[in-house]
């Protein structure tokens, strides 16, 4: 899930580099030339996020997809995993996101930087769309940040879908011995998916990924709101504001989108059948998974595994933000 926070573009009011980043008082070419920083810093964000957050993600996925009654809560899931598979079991499926999240965060944060700059230059500075007062402010509104978030979420979905698909299938393999698993690792999983189901098989779940990541609107919009509130009502330093705004906005995101993540995980772990011989496929459309989840437990079923996800959201994304900011500052020197 995930994403970290591009604060140097996210909130011009609290960023020492914002004028450079989004082109206030500078030619468009000069501003666009600095867009590369978001792509580079995003790589470090992805590594940090994986290190802190993957064990939480494993527990979340297992609780979302396990048959009813297998686990008696998040703690029981942790204890069973460690007892049966060791601590390494919490990091099952970590290899694909280690590489994938580096690419995902790089693309997401880089594209987010570009979308924000384009919106500011072509919409929030255009009298056809906004008031003269908004133009004079020279900043992107929280709504604009939300729109940029949708664009970035949609863009990164095309990389995120296969990475998260492979990760999810590895995470639900409960056998402690590799010989007893259908997939020996991420490369084997991707190879088998391609062999038996082609490109559509590897990108299985793309539609649900696009739906899930459209909720980036709430993430980036709320990040801007939190940043402004903390700046105006506290004496916190900019890095501390980034830390708290990043962690809190990540939790807002999960509160709004979590049910769509449950549906996405069910689709991505659904048997594909055919040559894989992994069972009978159940979900041919997004709505099929929605109906099944509801039939299994009503509205509460859409919130299975929420606790580990919610607990993960703040530290993983706040830590990723610290790494991201440090790299952004070093690239600006």
C-alpha atoms as a PDB file:
ATOM      1  CA  UNK A   1       0.000   0.000   0.000  1.00  0.00           C
ATOM      2  CA  UNK A   2       0.700   1.846  -0.063  1.00  0.00           C
ATOM      3  CA  UNK A   3       2.700   5.379  -0.488  1.00  0.00           C
ATOM      4  CA  UNK A   4       4.688   7.911   1.426  1.00  0.00           C
ATOM      5  CA  UNK A   5       4.511  11.653   1.376  1.00  0.00           C
ATOM      6  CA  UNK A   6       6.104  14.120  -1.036  1.00  0.00           C
ATOM      7  CA  UNK A   7       6.019  17.037   1.356  1.00  0.00           C
ATOM      8  CA  UNK A   8       8.228  19.316  -0.651  1.00  0.00           C
ATOM      9  CA  UNK A   9       5.503  19.427  -3.252  1.00  0.00           C
ATOM     10  CA  UNK A  10       2.569  18.513  -1.042  1.00  0.00           C
ATOM     11  CA  UNK A  11       2.326  21.720   0.913  1.00  0.00           C
ATOM     12  CA  UNK A  12       4.012  24.844  -0.392  1.00  0.00           C
ATOM     13  CA  UNK A  13       3.244  26.631   2.871  1.00  0.00           C
ATOM     14  CA  UNK A  14       5.595  24.492   4.960  1.00  0.00           C
ATOM     15  CA  UNK A  15       8.246  23.492   2.434  1.00  0.00           C
ATOM     16  CA  UNK A  16      11.484  25.384   2.128  1.00  0.00           C
ATOM     17  CA  UNK A  17      11.854  24.069  -1.418  1.00  0.00           C
ATOM     18  CA  UNK A  18       8.291  24.593  -2.608  1.00  0.00           C
ATOM     19  CA  UNK A  19       8.935  27.640  -4.756  1.00  0.00           C
ATOM     20  CA  UNK A  20      11.563  25.732  -6.673  1.00  0.00           C
ATOM     21  CA  UNK A  21       9.532  22.566  -6.827  1.00  0.00           C
ATOM     22  CA  UNK A  22       6.305  23.857  -8.273  1.00  0.00           C
ATOM     23  CA  UNK A  23       7.577  26.817 -10.167  1.00  0.00           C
ATOM     24  CA  UNK A  24       6.336  29.878  -8.313  1.00  0.00           C
ATOM     25  CA  UNK A  25       8.228  32.758  -9.817  1.00  0.00           C
ATOM     26  CA  UNK A  26      10.209  30.427 -12.076  1.00  0.00           C
ATOM     27  CA  UNK A  27       9.875  29.339 -15.703  1.00  0.00           C
ATOM     28  CA  UNK A  28       8.013  26.068 -16.206  1.00  0.00           C
ATOM     29  CA  UNK A  29      11.130  24.378 -17.589  1.00  0.00           C
ATOM     30  CA  UNK A  30      13.116  25.232 -14.458  1.00  0.00           C
ATOM     31  CA  UNK A  31      10.396  23.767 -12.258  1.00  0.00           C
ATOM     32  CA  UNK A  32       9.917  20.632 -14.336  1.00  0.00           C
ATOM     33  CA  UNK A  33      13.678  19.980 -14.333  1.00  0.00           C
ATOM     34  CA  UNK A  34      13.461  19.373 -10.578  1.00  0.00           C
ATOM     35  CA  UNK A  35      10.720  16.752 -10.867  1.00  0.00           C
ATOM     36  CA  UNK A  36      13.346  13.987 -10.928  1.00  0.00           C
ATOM     37  CA  UNK A  37      13.887  14.396  -7.174  1.00  0.00           C
ATOM     38  CA  UNK A  38      10.526  12.813  -6.373  1.00  0.00           C
ATOM     39  CA  UNK A  39      11.410   9.720  -8.401  1.00  0.00           C
ATOM     40  CA  UNK A  40      14.809   9.312  -6.721  1.00  0.00           C
ATOM     41  CA  UNK A  41      13.616   9.959  -3.160  1.00  0.00           C
ATOM     42  CA  UNK A  42      10.677   7.605  -3.685  1.00  0.00           C
ATOM     43  CA  UNK A  43      13.088   4.675  -3.964  1.00  0.00           C
ATOM     44  CA  UNK A  44      14.329   5.260  -0.414  1.00  0.00           C
ATOM     45  CA  UNK A  45      10.762   5.707   0.785  1.00  0.00           C
ATOM     46  CA  UNK A  46       9.828   2.279  -0.568  1.00  0.00           C
ATOM     47  CA  UNK A  47      12.729   0.501   1.163  1.00  0.00           C
ATOM     48  CA  UNK A  48      11.940   2.122   4.508  1.00  0.00           C
ATOM     49  CA  UNK A  49       8.253   1.367   4.254  1.00  0.00           C
ATOM     50  CA  UNK A  50       8.883  -2.304   3.527  1.00  0.00           C
ATOM     51  CA  UNK A  51      11.272  -2.726   6.467  1.00  0.00           C
ATOM     52  CA  UNK A  52       8.825  -1.241   8.961  1.00  0.00           C
ATOM     53  CA  UNK A  53       5.485  -2.269   7.564  1.00  0.00           C
ATOM     54  CA  UNK A  54       5.695  -5.698   5.902  1.00  0.00           C
ATOM     55  CA  UNK A  55       5.005  -7.850   9.015  1.00  0.00           C
ATOM     56  CA  UNK A  56       1.815  -5.839   9.613  1.00  0.00           C
ATOM     57  CA  UNK A  57       0.873  -6.319   5.970  1.00  0.00           C
ATOM     58  CA  UNK A  58       1.339 -10.093   6.155  1.00  0.00           C
ATOM     59  CA  UNK A  59      -1.008 -10.323   9.142  1.00  0.00           C
ATOM     60  CA  UNK A  60      -3.527  -8.064   7.395  1.00  0.00           C
ATOM     61  CA  UNK A  61      -3.581 -10.163   4.227  1.00  0.00           C
ATOM     62  CA  UNK A  62      -3.886 -13.438   6.151  1.00  0.00           C
ATOM     63  CA  UNK A  63      -6.804 -12.163   8.210  1.00  0.00           C
ATOM     64  CA  UNK A  64      -8.493 -10.790   5.104  1.00  0.00           C
ATOM     65  CA  UNK A  65      -8.269 -14.048   3.175  1.00  0.00           C
ATOM     66  CA  UNK A  66      -8.253 -16.898   5.741  1.00  0.00           C
ATOM     67  CA  UNK A  67     -11.310 -19.091   6.164  1.00  0.00           C
ATOM     68  CA  UNK A  68     -13.621 -18.035   8.978  1.00  0.00           C
ATOM     69  CA  UNK A  69     -12.391 -19.169  12.414  1.00  0.00           C
ATOM     70  CA  UNK A  70      -8.764 -19.856  11.476  1.00  0.00           C
ATOM     71  CA  UNK A  71      -7.564 -16.910  13.576  1.00  0.00           C
ATOM     72  CA  UNK A  72      -9.130 -15.444  16.713  1.00  0.00           C
ATOM     73  CA  UNK A  73      -7.815 -11.957  16.100  1.00  0.00           C
ATOM     74  CA  UNK A  74      -4.671 -10.158  14.965  1.00  0.00           C
ATOM     75  CA  UNK A  75      -2.561 -11.277  17.939  1.00  0.00           C
ATOM     76  CA  UNK A  76      -3.541 -14.903  17.420  1.00  0.00           C
ATOM     77  CA  UNK A  77      -2.569 -14.601  13.760  1.00  0.00           C
ATOM     78  CA  UNK A  78       0.854 -13.240  14.761  1.00  0.00           C
ATOM     79  CA  UNK A  79       1.403 -15.995  17.335  1.00  0.00           C
ATOM     80  CA  UNK A  80       0.362 -18.789  14.957  1.00  0.00           C
ATOM     81  CA  UNK A  81       2.570 -17.417  12.200  1.00  0.00           C
ATOM     82  CA  UNK A  82       5.666 -17.121  14.406  1.00  0.00           C
ATOM     83  CA  UNK A  83       5.052 -20.473  16.132  1.00  0.00           C
ATOM     84  CA  UNK A  84       4.571 -22.405  12.896  1.00  0.00           C
ATOM     85  CA  UNK A  85       6.859 -20.539  10.511  1.00  0.00           C
ATOM     86  CA  UNK A  86       9.214 -18.485  12.649  1.00  0.00           C
ATOM     87  CA  UNK A  87       9.748 -14.734  12.512  1.00  0.00           C
ATOM     88  CA  UNK A  88      10.643 -15.088   8.837  1.00  0.00           C
ATOM     89  CA  UNK A  89       7.023 -16.030   8.247  1.00  0.00           C
ATOM     90  CA  UNK A  90       6.081 -12.420   8.917  1.00  0.00           C
ATOM     91  CA  UNK A  91       8.255 -11.414   5.965  1.00  0.00           C
ATOM     92  CA  UNK A  92       6.824 -13.907   3.487  1.00  0.00           C
ATOM     93  CA  UNK A  93       6.366 -12.271   0.123  1.00  0.00           C
ATOM     94  CA  UNK A  94       8.781  -9.463   1.010  1.00  0.00           C
ATOM     95  CA  UNK A  95      11.011  -9.907  -2.044  1.00  0.00           C
ATOM     96  CA  UNK A  96       8.542  -8.632  -4.657  1.00  0.00           C
ATOM     97  CA  UNK A  97       7.650  -5.470  -2.743  1.00  0.00           C
ATOM     98  CA  UNK A  98      11.306  -4.815  -1.868  1.00  0.00           C
ATOM     99  CA  UNK A  99      11.939  -4.257  -5.545  1.00  0.00           C
ATOM    100  CA  UNK A 100       8.367  -3.428  -6.430  1.00  0.00           C
ATOM    101  CA  UNK A 101       7.803  -0.776  -3.767  1.00  0.00           C
ATOM    102  CA  UNK A 102      11.051   0.920  -4.726  1.00  0.00           C
ATOM    103  CA  UNK A 103       9.658   1.238  -8.235  1.00  0.00           C
ATOM    104  CA  UNK A 104       6.122   1.921  -7.002  1.00  0.00           C
ATOM    105  CA  UNK A 105       7.043   4.709  -4.603  1.00  0.00           C
ATOM    106  CA  UNK A 106       9.416   6.189  -7.148  1.00  0.00           C
ATOM    107  CA  UNK A 107       6.712   6.264  -9.817  1.00  0.00           C
ATOM    108  CA  UNK A 108       3.975   7.329  -7.412  1.00  0.00           C
ATOM    109  CA  UNK A 109       5.896  10.167  -5.770  1.00  0.00           C
ATOM    110  CA  UNK A 110       7.497  11.260  -9.020  1.00  0.00           C
ATOM    111  CA  UNK A 111       4.190  11.356 -10.868  1.00  0.00           C
ATOM    112  CA  UNK A 112       2.525  13.024  -7.890  1.00  0.00           C
ATOM    113  CA  UNK A 113       5.126  15.782  -8.131  1.00  0.00           C
ATOM    114  CA  UNK A 114       4.365  16.257 -11.809  1.00  0.00           C
ATOM    115  CA  UNK A 115       0.571  16.169 -11.413  1.00  0.00           C
ATOM    116  CA  UNK A 116       0.730  18.792  -8.655  1.00  0.00           C
ATOM    117  CA  UNK A 117       2.918  21.076 -10.715  1.00  0.00           C
ATOM    118  CA  UNK A 118       0.713  20.700 -13.786  1.00  0.00           C
ATOM    119  CA  UNK A 119      -2.452  21.381 -11.795  1.00  0.00           C
ATOM    120  CA  UNK A 120      -0.896  24.459 -10.221  1.00  0.00           C
ATOM    121  CA  UNK A 121       0.424  25.829 -13.503  1.00  0.00           C
ATOM    122  CA  UNK A 122      -2.559  25.048 -15.738  1.00  0.00           C
ATOM    123  CA  UNK A 123      -5.594  25.020 -13.432  1.00  0.00           C
ATOM    124  CA  UNK A 124      -4.880  26.841 -10.173  1.00  0.00           C
ATOM    125  CA  UNK A 125      -3.193  29.692 -12.085  1.00  0.00           C
ATOM    126  CA  UNK A 126      -5.900  29.883 -14.759  1.00  0.00           C
ATOM    127  CA  UNK A 127      -8.660  32.512 -14.319  1.00  0.00           C
ATOM    128  CA  UNK A 128     -11.038  30.248 -16.250  1.00  0.00           C
ATOM    129  CA  UNK A 129     -11.046  27.760 -13.369  1.00  0.00           C
ATOM    130  CA  UNK A 130     -10.228  29.618 -10.148  1.00  0.00           C
ATOM    131  CA  UNK A 131     -10.707  33.015  -8.556  1.00  0.00           C
ATOM    132  CA  UNK A 132      -8.195  35.859  -8.700  1.00  0.00           C
ATOM    133  CA  UNK A 133      -7.574  35.424  -4.970  1.00  0.00           C
ATOM    134  CA  UNK A 134      -6.616  31.785  -5.498  1.00  0.00           C
ATOM    135  CA  UNK A 135      -4.246  32.759  -8.295  1.00  0.00           C
ATOM    136  CA  UNK A 136      -2.553  35.343  -6.062  1.00  0.00           C
ATOM    137  CA  UNK A 137      -2.033  32.760  -3.315  1.00  0.00           C
ATOM    138  CA  UNK A 138       0.176  30.760  -5.673  1.00  0.00           C
ATOM    139  CA  UNK A 139      -0.646  27.498  -3.896  1.00  0.00           C
ATOM    140  CA  UNK A 140      -2.547  24.337  -4.698  1.00  0.00           C
ATOM    141  CA  UNK A 141      -5.658  23.747  -2.589  1.00  0.00           C
ATOM    142  CA  UNK A 142      -6.276  20.566  -0.610  1.00  0.00           C
ATOM    143  CA  UNK A 143      -8.778  19.525  -3.281  1.00  0.00           C
ATOM    144  CA  UNK A 144      -6.047  19.943  -5.888  1.00  0.00           C
ATOM    145  CA  UNK A 145      -3.706  17.740  -3.892  1.00  0.00           C
ATOM    146  CA  UNK A 146      -6.464  15.143  -3.769  1.00  0.00           C
ATOM    147  CA  UNK A 147      -6.876  15.257  -7.551  1.00  0.00           C
ATOM    148  CA  UNK A 148      -3.124  14.825  -7.991  1.00  0.00           C
ATOM    149  CA  UNK A 149      -3.355  11.846  -5.660  1.00  0.00           C
ATOM    150  CA  UNK A 150      -5.949  10.181  -7.893  1.00  0.00           C
ATOM    151  CA  UNK A 151      -3.671  10.694 -10.890  1.00  0.00           C
ATOM    152  CA  UNK A 152      -0.645   9.272  -9.088  1.00  0.00           C
ATOM    153  CA  UNK A 153      -2.657   6.343  -7.735  1.00  0.00           C
ATOM    154  CA  UNK A 154      -3.938   5.456 -11.185  1.00  0.00           C
ATOM    155  CA  UNK A 155      -0.473   5.744 -12.708  1.00  0.00           C
ATOM    156  CA  UNK A 156       1.258   3.512 -10.172  1.00  0.00           C
ATOM    157  CA  UNK A 157      -1.524   0.896 -10.271  1.00  0.00           C
ATOM    158  CA  UNK A 158      -0.072  -0.597 -13.441  1.00  0.00           C
ATOM    159  CA  UNK A 159       3.102  -1.503 -11.532  1.00  0.00           C
ATOM    160  CA  UNK A 160       1.385  -2.151  -8.210  1.00  0.00           C
ATOM    161  CA  UNK A 161      -1.085  -4.751  -9.528  1.00  0.00           C
ATOM    162  CA  UNK A 162       1.422  -7.512 -10.468  1.00  0.00           C
ATOM    163  CA  UNK A 163       3.657  -6.783  -7.454  1.00  0.00           C
ATOM    164  CA  UNK A 164       0.773  -6.968  -4.980  1.00  0.00           C
ATOM    165  CA  UNK A 165      -0.710  -9.970  -6.774  1.00  0.00           C
ATOM    166  CA  UNK A 166       2.472 -12.031  -6.383  1.00  0.00           C
ATOM    167  CA  UNK A 167       2.976 -10.805  -2.812  1.00  0.00           C
ATOM    168  CA  UNK A 168      -0.560 -11.768  -1.791  1.00  0.00           C
ATOM    169  CA  UNK A 169      -0.283 -15.294  -3.214  1.00  0.00           C
ATOM    170  CA  UNK A 170       2.981 -15.860  -1.356  1.00  0.00           C
ATOM    171  CA  UNK A 171       1.587 -14.466   1.892  1.00  0.00           C
ATOM    172  CA  UNK A 172      -1.269 -16.980   2.048  1.00  0.00           C
ATOM    173  CA  UNK A 173       1.000 -20.005   1.728  1.00  0.00           C
ATOM    174  CA  UNK A 174       0.869 -21.443   5.242  1.00  0.00           C
ATOM    175  CA  UNK A 175       3.171 -24.428   4.779  1.00  0.00           C
ATOM    176  CA  UNK A 176       6.461 -24.058   6.668  1.00  0.00           C
ATOM    177  CA  UNK A 177       8.380 -26.192   4.146  1.00  0.00           C
ATOM    178  CA  UNK A 178       8.964 -24.829   0.648  1.00  0.00           C
ATOM    179  CA  UNK A 179       8.402 -28.284  -0.837  1.00  0.00           C
ATOM    180  CA  UNK A 180       4.786 -28.153   0.340  1.00  0.00           C
ATOM    181  CA  UNK A 181       4.051 -24.785  -1.267  1.00  0.00           C
ATOM    182  CA  UNK A 182       2.645 -24.145  -4.734  1.00  0.00           C
ATOM    183  CA  UNK A 183       5.123 -21.318  -5.268  1.00  0.00           C
ATOM    184  CA  UNK A 184       8.746 -21.539  -4.152  1.00  0.00           C
ATOM    185  CA  UNK A 185       9.225 -17.774  -4.379  1.00  0.00           C
ATOM    186  CA  UNK A 186       8.231 -14.609  -6.232  1.00  0.00           C
ATOM    187  CA  UNK A 187       9.989 -15.498  -9.486  1.00  0.00           C
ATOM    188  CA  UNK A 188       8.425 -18.958  -9.508  1.00  0.00           C
ATOM    189  CA  UNK A 189       5.015 -17.450  -8.790  1.00  0.00           C
ATOM    190  CA  UNK A 190       5.294 -14.889 -11.587  1.00  0.00           C
ATOM    191  CA  UNK A 191       6.602 -17.533 -13.997  1.00  0.00           C
ATOM    192  CA  UNK A 192       3.718 -19.914 -13.293  1.00  0.00           C
ATOM    193  CA  UNK A 193       1.123 -17.166 -13.579  1.00  0.00           C
ATOM    194  CA  UNK A 194       2.536 -16.127 -16.947  1.00  0.00           C
ATOM    195  CA  UNK A 195       2.858 -19.701 -18.169  1.00  0.00           C
ATOM    196  CA  UNK A 196      -0.698 -20.730 -17.389  1.00  0.00           C
ATOM    197  CA  UNK A 197      -2.602 -17.437 -17.658  1.00  0.00           C
ATOM    198  CA  UNK A 198      -0.405 -15.057 -19.617  1.00  0.00           C
ATOM    199  CA  UNK A 199      -0.129 -11.308 -19.047  1.00  0.00           C
ATOM    200  CA  UNK A 200      -3.759 -11.035 -17.798  1.00  0.00           C
ATOM    201  CA  UNK A 201      -2.941 -13.657 -15.160  1.00  0.00           C
ATOM    202  CA  UNK A 202       0.002 -11.707 -13.769  1.00  0.00           C
ATOM    203  CA  UNK A 203      -2.003  -8.472 -13.833  1.00  0.00           C
ATOM    204  CA  UNK A 204      -5.016 -10.192 -12.259  1.00  0.00           C
ATOM    205  CA  UNK A 205      -6.679  -7.658  -9.941  1.00  0.00           C
ATOM    206  CA  UNK A 206      -5.774  -4.506 -11.921  1.00  0.00           C
ATOM    207  CA  UNK A 207      -9.333  -3.166 -11.826  1.00  0.00           C
ATOM    208  CA  UNK A 208      -9.588  -3.639  -8.063  1.00  0.00           C
ATOM    209  CA  UNK A 209      -6.182  -1.970  -7.688  1.00  0.00           C
ATOM    210  CA  UNK A 210      -7.347   1.071  -9.669  1.00  0.00           C
ATOM    211  CA  UNK A 211     -10.471   1.332  -7.498  1.00  0.00           C
ATOM    212  CA  UNK A 212      -8.439   0.988  -4.301  1.00  0.00           C
ATOM    213  CA  UNK A 213      -5.859   3.619  -5.298  1.00  0.00           C
ATOM    214  CA  UNK A 214      -8.459   6.147  -6.419  1.00  0.00           C
ATOM    215  CA  UNK A 215      -8.851   6.777  -2.678  1.00  0.00           C
ATOM    216  CA  UNK A 216      -5.456   8.450  -2.733  1.00  0.00           C
ATOM    217  CA  UNK A 217      -7.626  11.543  -3.067  1.00  0.00           C
ATOM    218  CA  UNK A 218      -8.296  11.353   0.680  1.00  0.00           C
ATOM    219  CA  UNK A 219      -4.670  10.616   1.515  1.00  0.00           C
ATOM    220  CA  UNK A 220      -3.084  13.588  -0.215  1.00  0.00           C
ATOM    221  CA  UNK A 221      -5.971  15.952   0.419  1.00  0.00           C
ATOM    222  CA  UNK A 222      -5.913  15.227   4.152  1.00  0.00           C
ATOM    223  CA  UNK A 223      -2.118  15.464   4.225  1.00  0.00           C
ATOM    224  CA  UNK A 224      -2.355  19.038   3.025  1.00  0.00           C
ATOM    225  CA  UNK A 225      -5.069  19.838   5.576  1.00  0.00           C
ATOM    226  CA  UNK A 226      -3.110  18.345   8.483  1.00  0.00           C
ATOM    227  CA  UNK A 227       0.028  20.160   7.380  1.00  0.00           C
ATOM    228  CA  UNK A 228      -1.729  23.525   7.357  1.00  0.00           C
ATOM    229  CA  UNK A 229      -3.405  22.921  10.716  1.00  0.00           C
ATOM    230  CA  UNK A 230      -0.147  21.904  12.381  1.00  0.00           C
ATOM    231  CA  UNK A 231       1.719  24.858  10.867  1.00  0.00           C
ATOM    232  CA  UNK A 232      -0.927  27.388  11.910  1.00  0.00           C
ATOM    233  CA  UNK A 233      -1.660  26.073  15.401  1.00  0.00           C
ATOM    234  CA  UNK A 234       1.634  24.625  16.645  1.00  0.00           C
ATOM    235  CA  UNK A 235       5.295  25.587  16.800  1.00  0.00           C
ATOM    236  CA  UNK A 236       6.496  22.254  15.473  1.00  0.00           C
ATOM    237  CA  UNK A 237       9.384  22.181  13.032  1.00  0.00           C
ATOM    238  CA  UNK A 238       8.764  21.308   9.393  1.00  0.00           C
ATOM    239  CA  UNK A 239      10.144  17.728   9.654  1.00  0.00           C
ATOM    240  CA  UNK A 240       7.967  17.043  12.700  1.00  0.00           C
ATOM    241  CA  UNK A 241       4.927  18.451  10.902  1.00  0.00           C
ATOM    242  CA  UNK A 242       5.727  16.194   7.954  1.00  0.00           C
ATOM    243  CA  UNK A 243       5.993  13.204  10.306  1.00  0.00           C
ATOM    244  CA  UNK A 244       2.643  13.755  12.034  1.00  0.00           C
ATOM    245  CA  UNK A 245       0.754  14.862   8.943  1.00  0.00           C
ATOM    246  CA  UNK A 246       2.106  11.875   7.028  1.00  0.00           C
ATOM    247  CA  UNK A 247       1.126   9.334   9.665  1.00  0.00           C
ATOM    248  CA  UNK A 248      -2.312  10.820  10.313  1.00  0.00           C
ATOM    249  CA  UNK A 249      -3.189  11.172   6.627  1.00  0.00           C
ATOM    250  CA  UNK A 250      -2.207   7.542   6.049  1.00  0.00           C
ATOM    251  CA  UNK A 251      -4.747   6.533   8.679  1.00  0.00           C
ATOM    252  CA  UNK A 252      -7.410   8.711   7.047  1.00  0.00           C
ATOM    253  CA  UNK A 253      -6.693   6.907   3.807  1.00  0.00           C
ATOM    254  CA  UNK A 254      -7.164   3.455   5.332  1.00  0.00           C
ATOM    255  CA  UNK A 255     -10.335   4.491   7.150  1.00  0.00           C
ATOM    256  CA  UNK A 256     -11.886   5.501   3.841  1.00  0.00           C
ATOM    257  CA  UNK A 257     -10.575   2.751   1.572  1.00  0.00           C
ATOM    258  CA  UNK A 258     -10.111  -0.374   3.677  1.00  0.00           C
ATOM    259  CA  UNK A 259     -13.207  -2.253   2.379  1.00  0.00           C
ATOM    260  CA  UNK A 260     -11.906  -1.895  -1.191  1.00  0.00           C
ATOM    261  CA  UNK A 261      -8.595  -3.402  -0.064  1.00  0.00           C
ATOM    262  CA  UNK A 262     -10.396  -6.428   1.387  1.00  0.00           C
ATOM    263  CA  UNK A 263     -12.120  -6.957  -1.966  1.00  0.00           C
ATOM    264  CA  UNK A 264      -8.820  -6.499  -3.816  1.00  0.00           C
ATOM    265  CA  UNK A 265      -7.056  -9.085  -1.673  1.00  0.00           C
ATOM    266  CA  UNK A 266      -9.856 -11.602  -2.125  1.00  0.00           C
ATOM    267  CA  UNK A 267      -9.641 -11.188  -5.884  1.00  0.00           C
ATOM    268  CA  UNK A 268      -5.836 -11.450  -5.924  1.00  0.00           C
ATOM    269  CA  UNK A 269      -5.839 -14.634  -3.824  1.00  0.00           C
ATOM    270  CA  UNK A 270      -8.738 -16.251  -5.678  1.00  0.00           C
ATOM    271  CA  UNK A 271      -7.766 -19.527  -7.394  1.00  0.00           C
ATOM    272  CA  UNK A 272      -7.169 -19.072 -11.114  1.00  0.00           C
ATOM    273  CA  UNK A 273      -7.563 -22.742 -12.000  1.00  0.00           C
ATOM    274  CA  UNK A 274      -6.363 -24.111 -15.303  1.00  0.00           C
ATOM    275  CA  UNK A 275      -2.814 -25.418 -15.414  1.00  0.00           C
ATOM    276  CA  UNK A 276      -2.045 -23.975 -11.993  1.00  0.00           C
ATOM    277  CA  UNK A 277      -4.351 -26.564 -10.456  1.00  0.00           C
ATOM    278  CA  UNK A 278      -4.913 -24.274  -7.468  1.00  0.00           C
ATOM    279  CA  UNK A 279      -8.677 -24.635  -7.227  1.00  0.00           C
ATOM    280  CA  UNK A 280     -11.801 -23.253  -8.878  1.00  0.00           C
ATOM    281  CA  UNK A 281     -12.056 -19.573  -9.656  1.00  0.00           C
ATOM    282  CA  UNK A 282     -14.889 -17.778  -7.844  1.00  0.00           C
ATOM    283  CA  UNK A 283     -14.628 -14.111  -8.806  1.00  0.00           C
ATOM    284  CA  UNK A 284     -14.862 -13.068 -12.434  1.00  0.00           C
ATOM    285  CA  UNK A 285     -15.919  -9.509 -11.643  1.00  0.00           C
ATOM    286  CA  UNK A 286     -15.250  -7.017  -8.844  1.00  0.00           C
ATOM    287  CA  UNK A 287     -18.884  -7.101  -7.767  1.00  0.00           C
ATOM    288  CA  UNK A 288     -18.724 -10.904  -7.365  1.00  0.00           C
ATOM    289  CA  UNK A 289     -16.098 -10.514  -4.642  1.00  0.00           C
ATOM    290  CA  UNK A 290     -18.097  -7.738  -2.978  1.00  0.00           C
ATOM    291  CA  UNK A 291     -21.189  -9.957  -2.793  1.00  0.00           C
ATOM    292  CA  UNK A 292     -19.229 -12.903  -1.431  1.00  0.00           C
ATOM    293  CA  UNK A 293     -17.537 -10.868   1.307  1.00  0.00           C
ATOM    294  CA  UNK A 294     -20.898  -9.441   2.378  1.00  0.00           C
ATOM    295  CA  UNK A 295     -22.552 -12.871   2.398  1.00  0.00           C
ATOM    296  CA  UNK A 296     -19.783 -14.223   4.633  1.00  0.00           C
ATOM    297  CA  UNK A 297     -20.192 -11.682   7.409  1.00  0.00           C
ATOM    298  CA  UNK A 298     -22.181  -8.625   6.448  1.00  0.00           C
ATOM    299  CA  UNK A 299     -20.565  -5.196   6.659  1.00  0.00           C
ATOM    300  CA  UNK A 300     -18.168  -6.356   9.373  1.00  0.00           C
ATOM    301  CA  UNK A 301     -16.528  -8.713   6.891  1.00  0.00           C
ATOM    302  CA  UNK A 302     -15.220  -5.712   4.951  1.00  0.00           C
ATOM    303  CA  UNK A 303     -13.142  -4.721   7.990  1.00  0.00           C
ATOM    304  CA  UNK A 304     -11.406  -8.046   8.694  1.00  0.00           C
ATOM    305  CA  UNK A 305      -7.735  -7.459   9.466  1.00  0.00           C
ATOM    306  CA  UNK A 306      -8.231  -3.723   9.939  1.00  0.00           C
ATOM    307  CA  UNK A 307      -6.334  -3.504  13.242  1.00  0.00           C
ATOM    308  CA  UNK A 308      -2.882  -4.574  11.968  1.00  0.00           C
ATOM    309  CA  UNK A 309      -3.401  -2.391   8.915  1.00  0.00           C
ATOM    310  CA  UNK A 310      -4.330   0.634  11.020  1.00  0.00           C
ATOM    311  CA  UNK A 311      -1.430   0.043  13.419  1.00  0.00           C
ATOM    312  CA  UNK A 312       0.963  -0.241  10.477  1.00  0.00           C
ATOM    313  CA  UNK A 313      -0.231   2.895   8.689  1.00  0.00           C
ATOM    314  CA  UNK A 314       1.297   5.474  10.993  1.00  0.00           C
ATOM    315  CA  UNK A 315       4.813   4.123  11.701  1.00  0.00           C
ATOM    316  CA  UNK A 316       5.432   2.747   8.206  1.00  0.00           C
ATOM    317  CA  UNK A 317       4.452   5.911   6.389  1.00  0.00           C
ATOM    318  CA  UNK A 318       5.897   8.312   8.951  1.00  0.00           C
ATOM    319  CA  UNK A 319       9.235   6.467   8.727  1.00  0.00           C
ATOM    320  CA  UNK A 320       9.069   6.476   4.943  1.00  0.00           C
ATOM    321  CA  UNK A 321       8.460  10.207   5.038  1.00  0.00           C
ATOM    322  CA  UNK A 322      11.547  10.809   7.179  1.00  0.00           C
ATOM    323  CA  UNK A 323      13.669   8.916   4.645  1.00  0.00           C
ATOM    324  CA  UNK A 324      12.002  10.689   1.739  1.00  0.00           C
ATOM    325  CA  UNK A 325      12.540  14.147   3.244  1.00  0.00           C
ATOM    326  CA  UNK A 326      16.193  13.460   3.997  1.00  0.00           C
ATOM    327  CA  UNK A 327      16.875  12.475   0.394  1.00  0.00           C
ATOM    328  CA  UNK A 328      14.896  15.416  -0.968  1.00  0.00           C
ATOM    329  CA  UNK A 329      16.921  17.806   1.182  1.00  0.00           C
ATOM    330  CA  UNK A 330      20.205  16.241   0.094  1.00  0.00           C
ATOM    331  CA  UNK A 331      19.216  16.556  -3.567  1.00  0.00           C
ATOM    332  CA  UNK A 332      18.336  20.210  -3.030  1.00  0.00           C
ATOM    333  CA  UNK A 333      21.719  21.147  -1.546  1.00  0.00           C
END
